[in-house]
C-alpha atoms as a PDB file:
ATOM      1  CA  MET A   1      78.410  74.049 108.303  1.00  0.00           C
ATOM      2  CA  THR A   2      80.648  75.951 105.911  1.00  0.00           C
ATOM      3  CA  VAL A   3      81.928  74.043 102.879  1.00  0.00           C
ATOM      4  CA  VAL A   4      85.649  74.078 102.106  1.00  0.00           C
ATOM      5  CA  MET A   5      86.143  76.436  99.160  1.00  0.00           C
ATOM      6  CA  PRO A   6      89.092  76.306  96.712  1.00  0.00           C
ATOM      7  CA  ALA A   7      91.349  79.294  97.243  1.00  0.00           C
ATOM      8  CA  ILE A   8      93.885  81.445  95.445  1.00  0.00           C
ATOM      9  CA  THR A   9      97.157  82.295  97.147  1.00  0.00           C
ATOM     10  CA  LEU A  10      97.779  86.036  97.282  1.00  0.00           C
ATOM     11  CA  PRO A  11     101.255  87.610  97.077  1.00  0.00           C
ATOM     12  CA  SER A  12     101.312  87.848 100.886  1.00  0.00           C
ATOM     13  CA  GLY A  13     100.868  84.094 101.205  1.00  0.00           C
ATOM     14  CA  ARG A  14      97.322  84.478 102.516  1.00  0.00           C
ATOM     15  CA  THR A  15      94.475  82.979 100.547  1.00  0.00           C
ATOM     16  CA  MET A  16      91.306  84.273  98.892  1.00  0.00           C
ATOM     17  CA  PRO A  17      88.260  82.114  98.001  1.00  0.00           C
ATOM     18  CA  VAL A  18      87.874  81.557  94.264  1.00  0.00           C
ATOM     19  CA  LEU A  19      84.121  82.144  94.321  1.00  0.00           C
ATOM     20  CA  GLY A  20      82.530  84.886  96.378  1.00  0.00           C
ATOM     21  CA  GLN A  21      79.527  87.169  96.459  1.00  0.00           C
ATOM     22  CA  GLY A  22      79.140  90.631  94.986  1.00  0.00           C
ATOM     23  CA  THR A  23      76.791  93.225  96.466  1.00  0.00           C
ATOM     24  CA  TRP A  24      76.533  95.942  93.812  1.00  0.00           C
ATOM     25  CA  TYR A  25      72.912  97.249  93.915  1.00  0.00           C
ATOM     26  CA  LEU A  26      72.132  95.283  97.079  1.00  0.00           C
ATOM     27  CA  GLY A  27      70.889  97.145 100.134  1.00  0.00           C
ATOM     28  CA  GLU A  28      69.073  99.812  98.119  1.00  0.00           C
ATOM     29  CA  SER A  29      65.507  98.542  98.725  1.00  0.00           C
ATOM     30  CA  SER A  30      64.116  97.930 102.197  1.00  0.00           C
ATOM     31  CA  GLY A  31      61.539  95.564 100.696  1.00  0.00           C
ATOM     32  CA  LYS A  32      64.297  93.244  99.422  1.00  0.00           C
ATOM     33  CA  ARG A  33      66.450  93.403 102.543  1.00  0.00           C
ATOM     34  CA  GLN A  34      65.526  90.061 104.102  1.00  0.00           C
ATOM     35  CA  ASP A  35      65.890  88.161 100.816  1.00  0.00           C
ATOM     36  CA  GLU A  36      69.277  89.763 100.200  1.00  0.00           C
ATOM     37  CA  ILE A  37      70.501  88.935 103.694  1.00  0.00           C
ATOM     38  CA  ALA A  38      69.250  85.359 103.252  1.00  0.00           C
ATOM     39  CA  ALA A  39      71.099  85.124  99.923  1.00  0.00           C
ATOM     40  CA  LEU A  40      74.382  86.239 101.492  1.00  0.00           C
ATOM     41  CA  ARG A  41      73.986  83.864 104.439  1.00  0.00           C
ATOM     42  CA  THR A  42      73.185  80.997 102.075  1.00  0.00           C
ATOM     43  CA  GLY A  43      76.425  81.784 100.306  1.00  0.00           C
ATOM     44  CA  LEU A  44      78.319  81.558 103.579  1.00  0.00           C
ATOM     45  CA  ASP A  45      76.728  78.165 104.213  1.00  0.00           C
ATOM     46  CA  LEU A  46      77.920  77.027 100.774  1.00  0.00           C
ATOM     47  CA  GLY A  47      81.489  78.185 101.331  1.00  0.00           C
ATOM     48  CA  MET A  48      81.212  81.448  99.365  1.00  0.00           C
ATOM     49  CA  THR A  49      82.769  83.310 102.245  1.00  0.00           C
ATOM     50  CA  MET A  50      84.276  86.159 100.218  1.00  0.00           C
ATOM     51  CA  ILE A  51      81.821  89.069 100.256  1.00  0.00           C
ATOM     52  CA  ASP A  52      82.657  92.138  98.189  1.00  0.00           C
ATOM     53  CA  THR A  53      81.163  95.565  98.830  1.00  0.00           C
ATOM     54  CA  ALA A  54      82.096  99.240  98.510  1.00  0.00           C
ATOM     55  CA  GLU A  55      81.368 102.550 100.167  1.00  0.00           C
ATOM     56  CA  MET A  56      79.874 103.652  96.828  1.00  0.00           C
ATOM     57  CA  TYR A  57      77.248 100.888  96.689  1.00  0.00           C
ATOM     58  CA  GLY A  58      73.968 102.409  97.784  1.00  0.00           C
ATOM     59  CA  SER A  59      75.946 105.229  99.426  1.00  0.00           C
ATOM     60  CA  GLY A  60      76.863 102.881 102.276  1.00  0.00           C
ATOM     61  CA  PHE A  61      73.604 100.917 102.495  1.00  0.00           C
ATOM     62  CA  SER A  62      75.258  97.883 100.892  1.00  0.00           C
ATOM     63  CA  GLU A  63      77.880  97.884 103.639  1.00  0.00           C
ATOM     64  CA  GLU A  64      75.146  98.043 106.262  1.00  0.00           C
ATOM     65  CA  LEU A  65      73.381  95.112 104.618  1.00  0.00           C
ATOM     66  CA  VAL A  66      76.604  93.106 104.609  1.00  0.00           C
ATOM     67  CA  GLY A  67      77.117  93.959 108.269  1.00  0.00           C
ATOM     68  CA  ALA A  68      73.680  92.553 109.078  1.00  0.00           C
ATOM     69  CA  ALA A  69      74.303  89.423 107.009  1.00  0.00           C
ATOM     70  CA  ILE A  70      77.637  88.571 108.639  1.00  0.00           C
ATOM     71  CA  ALA A  71      76.625  89.421 112.206  1.00  0.00           C
ATOM     72  CA  GLY A  72      77.682  86.527 114.408  1.00  0.00           C
ATOM     73  CA  ARG A  73      79.643  84.954 111.538  1.00  0.00           C
ATOM     74  CA  ARG A  74      82.432  87.474 110.969  1.00  0.00           C
ATOM     75  CA  ASP A  75      85.171  84.909 111.547  1.00  0.00           C
ATOM     76  CA  GLU A  76      83.969  82.933 108.521  1.00  0.00           C
ATOM     77  CA  VAL A  77      84.099  85.858 106.122  1.00  0.00           C
ATOM     78  CA  PHE A  78      86.793  87.155 103.778  1.00  0.00           C
ATOM     79  CA  LEU A  79      85.525  90.731 103.598  1.00  0.00           C
ATOM     80  CA  VAL A  80      86.421  92.970 100.651  1.00  0.00           C
ATOM     81  CA  ASP A  81      85.596  96.681 100.547  1.00  0.00           C
ATOM     82  CA  LYS A  82      86.533  99.592  98.303  1.00  0.00           C
ATOM     83  CA  VAL A  83      87.337 103.258  98.772  1.00  0.00           C
ATOM     84  CA  LEU A  84      86.208 105.879  96.273  1.00  0.00           C
ATOM     85  CA  PRO A  85      89.031 107.632  94.379  1.00  0.00           C
ATOM     86  CA  ALA A  86      87.804 111.000  95.675  1.00  0.00           C
ATOM     87  CA  ASN A  87      88.523 109.792  99.209  1.00  0.00           C
ATOM     88  CA  ALA A  88      91.872 108.180  98.433  1.00  0.00           C
ATOM     89  CA  THR A  89      94.185 110.823  99.882  1.00  0.00           C
ATOM     90  CA  ARG A  90      96.669 110.108 102.673  1.00  0.00           C
ATOM     91  CA  GLN A  91      94.125 110.972 105.381  1.00  0.00           C
ATOM     92  CA  GLY A  92      90.948 110.578 103.364  1.00  0.00           C
ATOM     93  CA  ALA A  93      91.390 106.858 102.747  1.00  0.00           C
ATOM     94  CA  VAL A  94      91.986 106.208 106.438  1.00  0.00           C
ATOM     95  CA  GLN A  95      88.860 108.132 107.395  1.00  0.00           C
ATOM     96  CA  ALA A  96      86.782 106.443 104.671  1.00  0.00           C
ATOM     97  CA  CYS A  97      87.908 103.014 105.797  1.00  0.00           C
ATOM     98  CA  ARG A  98      86.905 103.686 109.389  1.00  0.00           C
ATOM     99  CA  ARG A  99      83.489 104.931 108.272  1.00  0.00           C
ATOM    100  CA  SER A 100      83.085 101.686 106.346  1.00  0.00           C
ATOM    101  CA  LEU A 101      84.096  99.673 109.397  1.00  0.00           C
ATOM    102  CA  ARG A 102      81.347 101.353 111.399  1.00  0.00           C
ATOM    103  CA  ARG A 103      78.733 100.611 108.742  1.00  0.00           C
ATOM    104  CA  LEU A 104      79.918  97.009 108.497  1.00  0.00           C
ATOM    105  CA  GLY A 105      79.901  96.579 112.269  1.00  0.00           C
ATOM    106  CA  THR A 106      83.363  95.015 112.274  1.00  0.00           C
ATOM    107  CA  ASP A 107      86.863  95.938 113.394  1.00  0.00           C
ATOM    108  CA  HIS A 108      88.705  94.919 110.234  1.00  0.00           C
ATOM    109  CA  ILE A 109      88.393  94.479 106.481  1.00  0.00           C
ATOM    110  CA  ASP A 110      90.367  91.617 104.977  1.00  0.00           C
ATOM    111  CA  LEU A 111      91.052  93.243 101.609  1.00  0.00           C
ATOM    112  CA  TYR A 112      90.632  96.959 100.890  1.00  0.00           C
ATOM    113  CA  LEU A 113      90.694  98.208  97.310  1.00  0.00           C
ATOM    114  CA  LEU A 114      91.031 101.532  95.517  1.00  0.00           C
ATOM    115  CA  HIS A 115      87.796 101.401  93.487  1.00  0.00           C
ATOM    116  CA  TRP A 116      89.344 102.952  90.388  1.00  0.00           C
ATOM    117  CA  ARG A 117      92.196 105.308  89.668  1.00  0.00           C
ATOM    118  CA  GLY A 118      91.454 108.932  90.415  1.00  0.00           C
ATOM    119  CA  GLY A 119      93.386 112.176  90.552  1.00  0.00           C
ATOM    120  CA  HIS A 120      95.192 111.713  93.866  1.00  0.00           C
ATOM    121  CA  PRO A 121      98.782 110.422  93.754  1.00  0.00           C
ATOM    122  CA  LEU A 122      98.967 106.650  94.063  1.00  0.00           C
ATOM    123  CA  SER A 123     101.810 107.062  96.552  1.00  0.00           C
ATOM    124  CA  GLU A 124      99.431 108.833  98.973  1.00  0.00           C
ATOM    125  CA  THR A 125      96.857 106.081  98.703  1.00  0.00           C
ATOM    126  CA  ILE A 126      99.513 103.432  99.268  1.00  0.00           C
ATOM    127  CA  GLU A 127     100.720 105.289 102.369  1.00  0.00           C
ATOM    128  CA  ALA A 128      97.164 105.340 103.707  1.00  0.00           C
ATOM    129  CA  PHE A 129      96.722 101.625 103.025  1.00  0.00           C
ATOM    130  CA  THR A 130     100.031 100.893 104.735  1.00  0.00           C
ATOM    131  CA  GLU A 131      98.853 102.801 107.813  1.00  0.00           C
ATOM    132  CA  LEU A 132      95.571 100.899 107.836  1.00  0.00           C
ATOM    133  CA  VAL A 133      97.402  97.568 107.640  1.00  0.00           C
ATOM    134  CA  ALA A 134      99.707  98.585 110.512  1.00  0.00           C
ATOM    135  CA  ALA A 135      96.693  99.611 112.605  1.00  0.00           C
ATOM    136  CA  GLY A 136      94.908  96.313 111.954  1.00  0.00           C
ATOM    137  CA  ASP A 137      91.990  98.009 110.210  1.00  0.00           C
ATOM    138  CA  ILE A 138      92.684  96.081 107.000  1.00  0.00           C
ATOM    139  CA  GLY A 139      94.570  92.887 106.315  1.00  0.00           C
ATOM    140  CA  GLN A 140      95.734  93.648 102.795  1.00  0.00           C
ATOM    141  CA  TRP A 141      95.066  96.098 100.006  1.00  0.00           C
ATOM    142  CA  GLY A 142      94.612  96.044  96.262  1.00  0.00           C
ATOM    143  CA  VAL A 143      93.058  97.908  93.363  1.00  0.00           C
ATOM    144  CA  SER A 144      90.063  97.722  91.054  1.00  0.00           C
ATOM    145  CA  ASN A 145      89.569  98.729  87.411  1.00  0.00           C
ATOM    146  CA  PHE A 146      93.308  99.215  86.831  1.00  0.00           C
ATOM    147  CA  ASP A 147      94.521  98.755  83.256  1.00  0.00           C
ATOM    148  CA  LEU A 148      98.065  97.714  82.387  1.00  0.00           C
ATOM    149  CA  SER A 149      99.513 101.240  82.412  1.00  0.00           C
ATOM    150  CA  ASP A 150      97.849 101.877  85.776  1.00  0.00           C
ATOM    151  CA  MET A 151      99.403  98.725  87.221  1.00  0.00           C
ATOM    152  CA  VAL A 152     102.851  99.762  85.981  1.00  0.00           C
ATOM    153  CA  ASP A 153     102.383 103.168  87.608  1.00  0.00           C
ATOM    154  CA  LEU A 154     101.180 101.490  90.810  1.00  0.00           C
ATOM    155  CA  LEU A 155     104.318  99.396  91.136  1.00  0.00           C
ATOM    156  CA  ASP A 156     106.482 102.408  90.291  1.00  0.00           C
ATOM    157  CA  ALA A 157     104.742 104.269  93.142  1.00  0.00           C
ATOM    158  CA  GLY A 158     105.697 101.546  95.626  1.00  0.00           C
ATOM    159  CA  GLY A 159     102.709  99.257  95.244  1.00  0.00           C
ATOM    160  CA  ASP A 160     104.543  95.945  95.499  1.00  0.00           C
ATOM    161  CA  SER A 161     102.096  94.778  98.180  1.00  0.00           C
ATOM    162  CA  CYS A 162      99.075  94.913  95.855  1.00  0.00           C
ATOM    163  CA  ALA A 163      97.043  91.758  96.531  1.00  0.00           C
ATOM    164  CA  THR A 164      94.625  91.765  93.592  1.00  0.00           C
ATOM    165  CA  ASN A 165      93.207  93.743  90.688  1.00  0.00           C
ATOM    166  CA  GLN A 166      89.408  93.518  90.523  1.00  0.00           C
ATOM    167  CA  ILE A 167      88.283  93.978  86.928  1.00  0.00           C
ATOM    168  CA  LEU A 168      85.350  93.465  84.589  1.00  0.00           C
ATOM    169  CA  TYR A 169      86.021  90.077  82.994  1.00  0.00           C
ATOM    170  CA  ASN A 170      83.632  87.637  81.372  1.00  0.00           C
ATOM    171  CA  LEU A 171      82.952  86.006  77.996  1.00  0.00           C
ATOM    172  CA  THR A 172      81.968  89.313  76.405  1.00  0.00           C
ATOM    173  CA  ARG A 173      84.783  91.325  78.063  1.00  0.00           C
ATOM    174  CA  ARG A 174      87.919  89.415  77.081  1.00  0.00           C
ATOM    175  CA  GLY A 175      90.169  92.389  76.368  1.00  0.00           C
ATOM    176  CA  PRO A 176      92.350  91.844  79.480  1.00  0.00           C
ATOM    177  CA  GLU A 177      93.512  88.504  78.061  1.00  0.00           C
ATOM    178  CA  TYR A 178      95.786  90.222  75.538  1.00  0.00           C
ATOM    179  CA  ASP A 179      98.161  92.034  77.894  1.00  0.00           C
ATOM    180  CA  LEU A 180      96.748  92.780  81.360  1.00  0.00           C
ATOM    181  CA  LEU A 181      96.145  89.191  82.496  1.00  0.00           C
ATOM    182  CA  PRO A 182      99.587  87.967  81.338  1.00  0.00           C
ATOM    183  CA  TRP A 183     101.263  90.909  83.099  1.00  0.00           C
ATOM    184  CA  LEU A 184      99.362  90.254  86.339  1.00  0.00           C
ATOM    185  CA  ARG A 185     100.207  86.554  86.153  1.00  0.00           C
ATOM    186  CA  GLU A 186     103.884  87.359  85.591  1.00  0.00           C
ATOM    187  CA  HIS A 187     103.864  89.601  88.668  1.00  0.00           C
ATOM    188  CA  GLY A 188     101.953  87.115  90.832  1.00  0.00           C
ATOM    189  CA  ILE A 189      98.885  89.341  91.255  1.00  0.00           C
ATOM    190  CA  PRO A 190      95.569  87.416  91.099  1.00  0.00           C
ATOM    191  CA  VAL A 191      92.446  88.784  89.430  1.00  0.00           C
ATOM    192  CA  THR A 192      88.971  89.166  90.885  1.00  0.00           C
ATOM    193  CA  ALA A 193      86.339  89.186  88.116  1.00  0.00           C
ATOM    194  CA  TYR A 194      83.268  91.286  88.749  1.00  0.00           C
ATOM    195  CA  SER A 195      80.043  90.946  86.709  1.00  0.00           C
ATOM    196  CA  PRO A 196      81.184  87.474  85.540  1.00  0.00           C
ATOM    197  CA  ILE A 197      77.822  86.828  83.848  1.00  0.00           C
ATOM    198  CA  GLU A 198      77.595  90.372  82.418  1.00  0.00           C
ATOM    199  CA  GLN A 199      74.747  91.274  84.798  1.00  0.00           C
ATOM    200  CA  GLY A 200      72.655  88.459  83.308  1.00  0.00           C
ATOM    201  CA  ARG A 201      73.021  89.525  79.677  1.00  0.00           C
ATOM    202  CA  LEU A 202      75.001  86.378  78.801  1.00  0.00           C
ATOM    203  CA  LEU A 203      72.179  84.064  79.793  1.00  0.00           C
ATOM    204  CA  GLY A 204      70.201  84.420  76.564  1.00  0.00           C
ATOM    205  CA  ASP A 205      73.023  83.254  74.313  1.00  0.00           C
ATOM    206  CA  ALA A 206      72.066  80.147  72.327  1.00  0.00           C
ATOM    207  CA  GLN A 207      75.528  78.545  72.387  1.00  0.00           C
ATOM    208  CA  ILE A 208      75.869  78.958  76.138  1.00  0.00           C
ATOM    209  CA  SER A 209      72.421  77.414  76.537  1.00  0.00           C
ATOM    210  CA  GLU A 210      73.415  74.453  74.330  1.00  0.00           C
ATOM    211  CA  ILE A 211      76.548  73.818  76.367  1.00  0.00           C
ATOM    212  CA  ALA A 212      74.500  74.069  79.561  1.00  0.00           C
ATOM    213  CA  ALA A 213      71.961  71.556  78.278  1.00  0.00           C
ATOM    214  CA  ARG A 214      74.723  69.134  77.297  1.00  0.00           C
ATOM    215  CA  HIS A 215      76.150  69.246  80.825  1.00  0.00           C
ATOM    216  CA  GLN A 216      72.704  69.369  82.481  1.00  0.00           C
ATOM    217  CA  VAL A 217      73.518  72.657  84.178  1.00  0.00           C
ATOM    218  CA  THR A 218      72.334  76.253  83.743  1.00  0.00           C
ATOM    219  CA  PRO A 219      73.793  79.007  81.539  1.00  0.00           C
ATOM    220  CA  VAL A 220      74.836  80.844  84.709  1.00  0.00           C
ATOM    221  CA  GLN A 221      77.020  77.915  85.686  1.00  0.00           C
ATOM    222  CA  VAL A 222      78.612  77.733  82.227  1.00  0.00           C
ATOM    223  CA  ALA A 223      79.500  81.436  82.303  1.00  0.00           C
ATOM    224  CA  LEU A 224      80.937  81.187  85.803  1.00  0.00           C
ATOM    225  CA  ALA A 225      82.844  77.969  85.084  1.00  0.00           C
ATOM    226  CA  TRP A 226      84.435  79.668  82.083  1.00  0.00           C
ATOM    227  CA  VAL A 227      85.759  82.502  84.288  1.00  0.00           C
ATOM    228  CA  LEU A 228      86.897  80.123  87.029  1.00  0.00           C
ATOM    229  CA  ARG A 229      88.765  77.788  84.655  1.00  0.00           C
ATOM    230  CA  GLN A 230      91.945  79.791  85.248  1.00  0.00           C
ATOM    231  CA  ASP A 231      93.666  79.159  88.561  1.00  0.00           C
ATOM    232  CA  THR A 232      94.556  82.804  89.240  1.00  0.00           C
ATOM    233  CA  ILE A 233      91.066  84.257  88.768  1.00  0.00           C
ATOM    234  CA  ALA A 234      88.298  84.535  91.360  1.00  0.00           C
ATOM    235  CA  ALA A 235      84.724  85.622  90.636  1.00  0.00           C
ATOM    236  CA  ILE A 236      82.131  87.550  92.623  1.00  0.00           C
ATOM    237  CA  PRO A 237      78.673  87.062  91.084  1.00  0.00           C
ATOM    238  CA  ARG A 238      75.823  88.972  92.707  1.00  0.00           C
ATOM    239  CA  SER A 239      72.671  87.272  93.968  1.00  0.00           C
ATOM    240  CA  SER A 240      69.630  88.696  95.701  1.00  0.00           C
ATOM    241  CA  ASN A 241      67.931  85.405  96.560  1.00  0.00           C
ATOM    242  CA  PRO A 242      69.096  82.076  98.025  1.00  0.00           C
ATOM    243  CA  GLY A 243      68.126  80.056  94.945  1.00  0.00           C
ATOM    244  CA  HIS A 244      70.413  82.037  92.676  1.00  0.00           C
ATOM    245  CA  THR A 245      73.186  81.794  95.257  1.00  0.00           C
ATOM    246  CA  ARG A 246      72.948  78.004  95.206  1.00  0.00           C
ATOM    247  CA  GLU A 247      73.034  78.079  91.422  1.00  0.00           C
ATOM    248  CA  ASN A 248      76.219  80.171  91.508  1.00  0.00           C
ATOM    249  CA  ALA A 249      77.897  77.845  93.993  1.00  0.00           C
ATOM    250  CA  ALA A 250      77.175  74.796  91.832  1.00  0.00           C
ATOM    251  CA  ALA A 251      79.353  76.261  89.060  1.00  0.00           C
ATOM    252  CA  LEU A 252      82.362  74.964  90.970  1.00  0.00           C
ATOM    253  CA  ASP A 253      81.353  71.413  90.046  1.00  0.00           C
ATOM    254  CA  LEU A 254      81.371  72.104  86.289  1.00  0.00           C
ATOM    255  CA  ARG A 255      84.456  71.441  84.176  1.00  0.00           C
ATOM    256  CA  LEU A 256      84.187  72.674  80.619  1.00  0.00           C
ATOM    257  CA  GLY A 257      85.797  70.464  77.987  1.00  0.00           C
ATOM    258  CA  GLU A 258      88.016  71.459  75.080  1.00  0.00           C
ATOM    259  CA  GLU A 259      85.040  71.281  72.717  1.00  0.00           C
ATOM    260  CA  ASP A 260      83.045  73.617  74.951  1.00  0.00           C
ATOM    261  CA  LEU A 261      85.893  76.109  75.140  1.00  0.00           C
ATOM    262  CA  ALA A 262      86.406  75.996  71.372  1.00  0.00           C
ATOM    263  CA  VAL A 263      82.737  76.802  70.787  1.00  0.00           C
ATOM    264  CA  LEU A 264      82.879  79.689  73.226  1.00  0.00           C
ATOM    265  CA  ASP A 265      86.040  81.019  71.581  1.00  0.00           C
ATOM    266  CA  THR A 266      84.170  81.066  68.265  1.00  0.00           C
ATOM    267  CA  VAL A 267      81.162  82.905  69.658  1.00  0.00           C
ATOM    268  CA  PHE A 268      83.166  85.155  71.976  1.00  0.00           C
ATOM    269  CA  PRO A 269      86.582  85.464  70.308  1.00  0.00           C
ATOM    270  CA  PRO A 270      89.653  86.375  72.348  1.00  0.00           C
ATOM    271  CA  PRO A 271      91.336  89.725  71.626  1.00  0.00           C
ATOM    272  CA  THR A 272      93.861  89.984  68.820  1.00  0.00           C
ATOM    273  CA  GLY A 273      95.379  93.222  70.069  1.00  0.00           C
ATOM    274  CA  PRO A 274      95.425  95.563  73.064  1.00  0.00           C
ATOM    275  CA  GLN A 275      92.085  96.985  74.161  1.00  0.00           C
ATOM    276  CA  PRO A 276      91.251  99.576  76.822  1.00  0.00           C
ATOM    277  CA  LEU A 277      89.985  98.017  80.032  1.00  0.00           C
ATOM    278  CA  GLU A 278      86.183  98.095  80.051  1.00  0.00           C
ATOM    279  CA  THR A 279      84.098  99.028  83.077  1.00  0.00           C
ATOM    280  CA  LEU A 280      80.437  99.037  84.038  1.00  0.00           C
END
């Protein structure tokens, strides 16, 4: 039975789970396929019903893996997918979306994102997204890897319906806190944080390990709880086995105290000025 997951309200009034599952690098090895499918299904069982993928991941193999994992359970899933900037023309985005739908084995994507800003006019991409919404192929649309100037340009191009900005955000990537996060909060646009544990590189930090030991949790859960402490930010950690998925889900039960946050601010200081948005 699916667990009830806390949710963030999107500008449309619909909701998005605060903790989901990323799939970057999943689906690329046939030998890992069953473990990866089991990990995603375990996440669904634990209420992590947001699954994020992209046409770029594994050149479509990630989408096929997701399709296999959600088969028979599509109604439970908040499905997020992304279109490559090269495909984000007025017709290209529509065609790319429908190719993704075929690979996913579904008739709709809940949230469709422009993966990063490319050379095509944002107005064309928005027109394509609007058509896809009208056709029922997608429920909503948003962007990924958009810095503050990109977001301003997006709204100037008619992007008032943007549902989220998916960005790299974790303890070592705090640059967005200076100007991008406040701007998004002011405009009612939630954030989806990808690589919230910095692809595992945060887990060797001594201070994170000390905080984890004090709370009798794991460093993964400390890093995730830090991201999820803000009520307008969701996170999509990746897992390729059910055990790690359970570990991720348990981060929802951890509440970091003021002392914990002060220590983390010392080790991973917040920005003191504007910084370019980082990507991986």
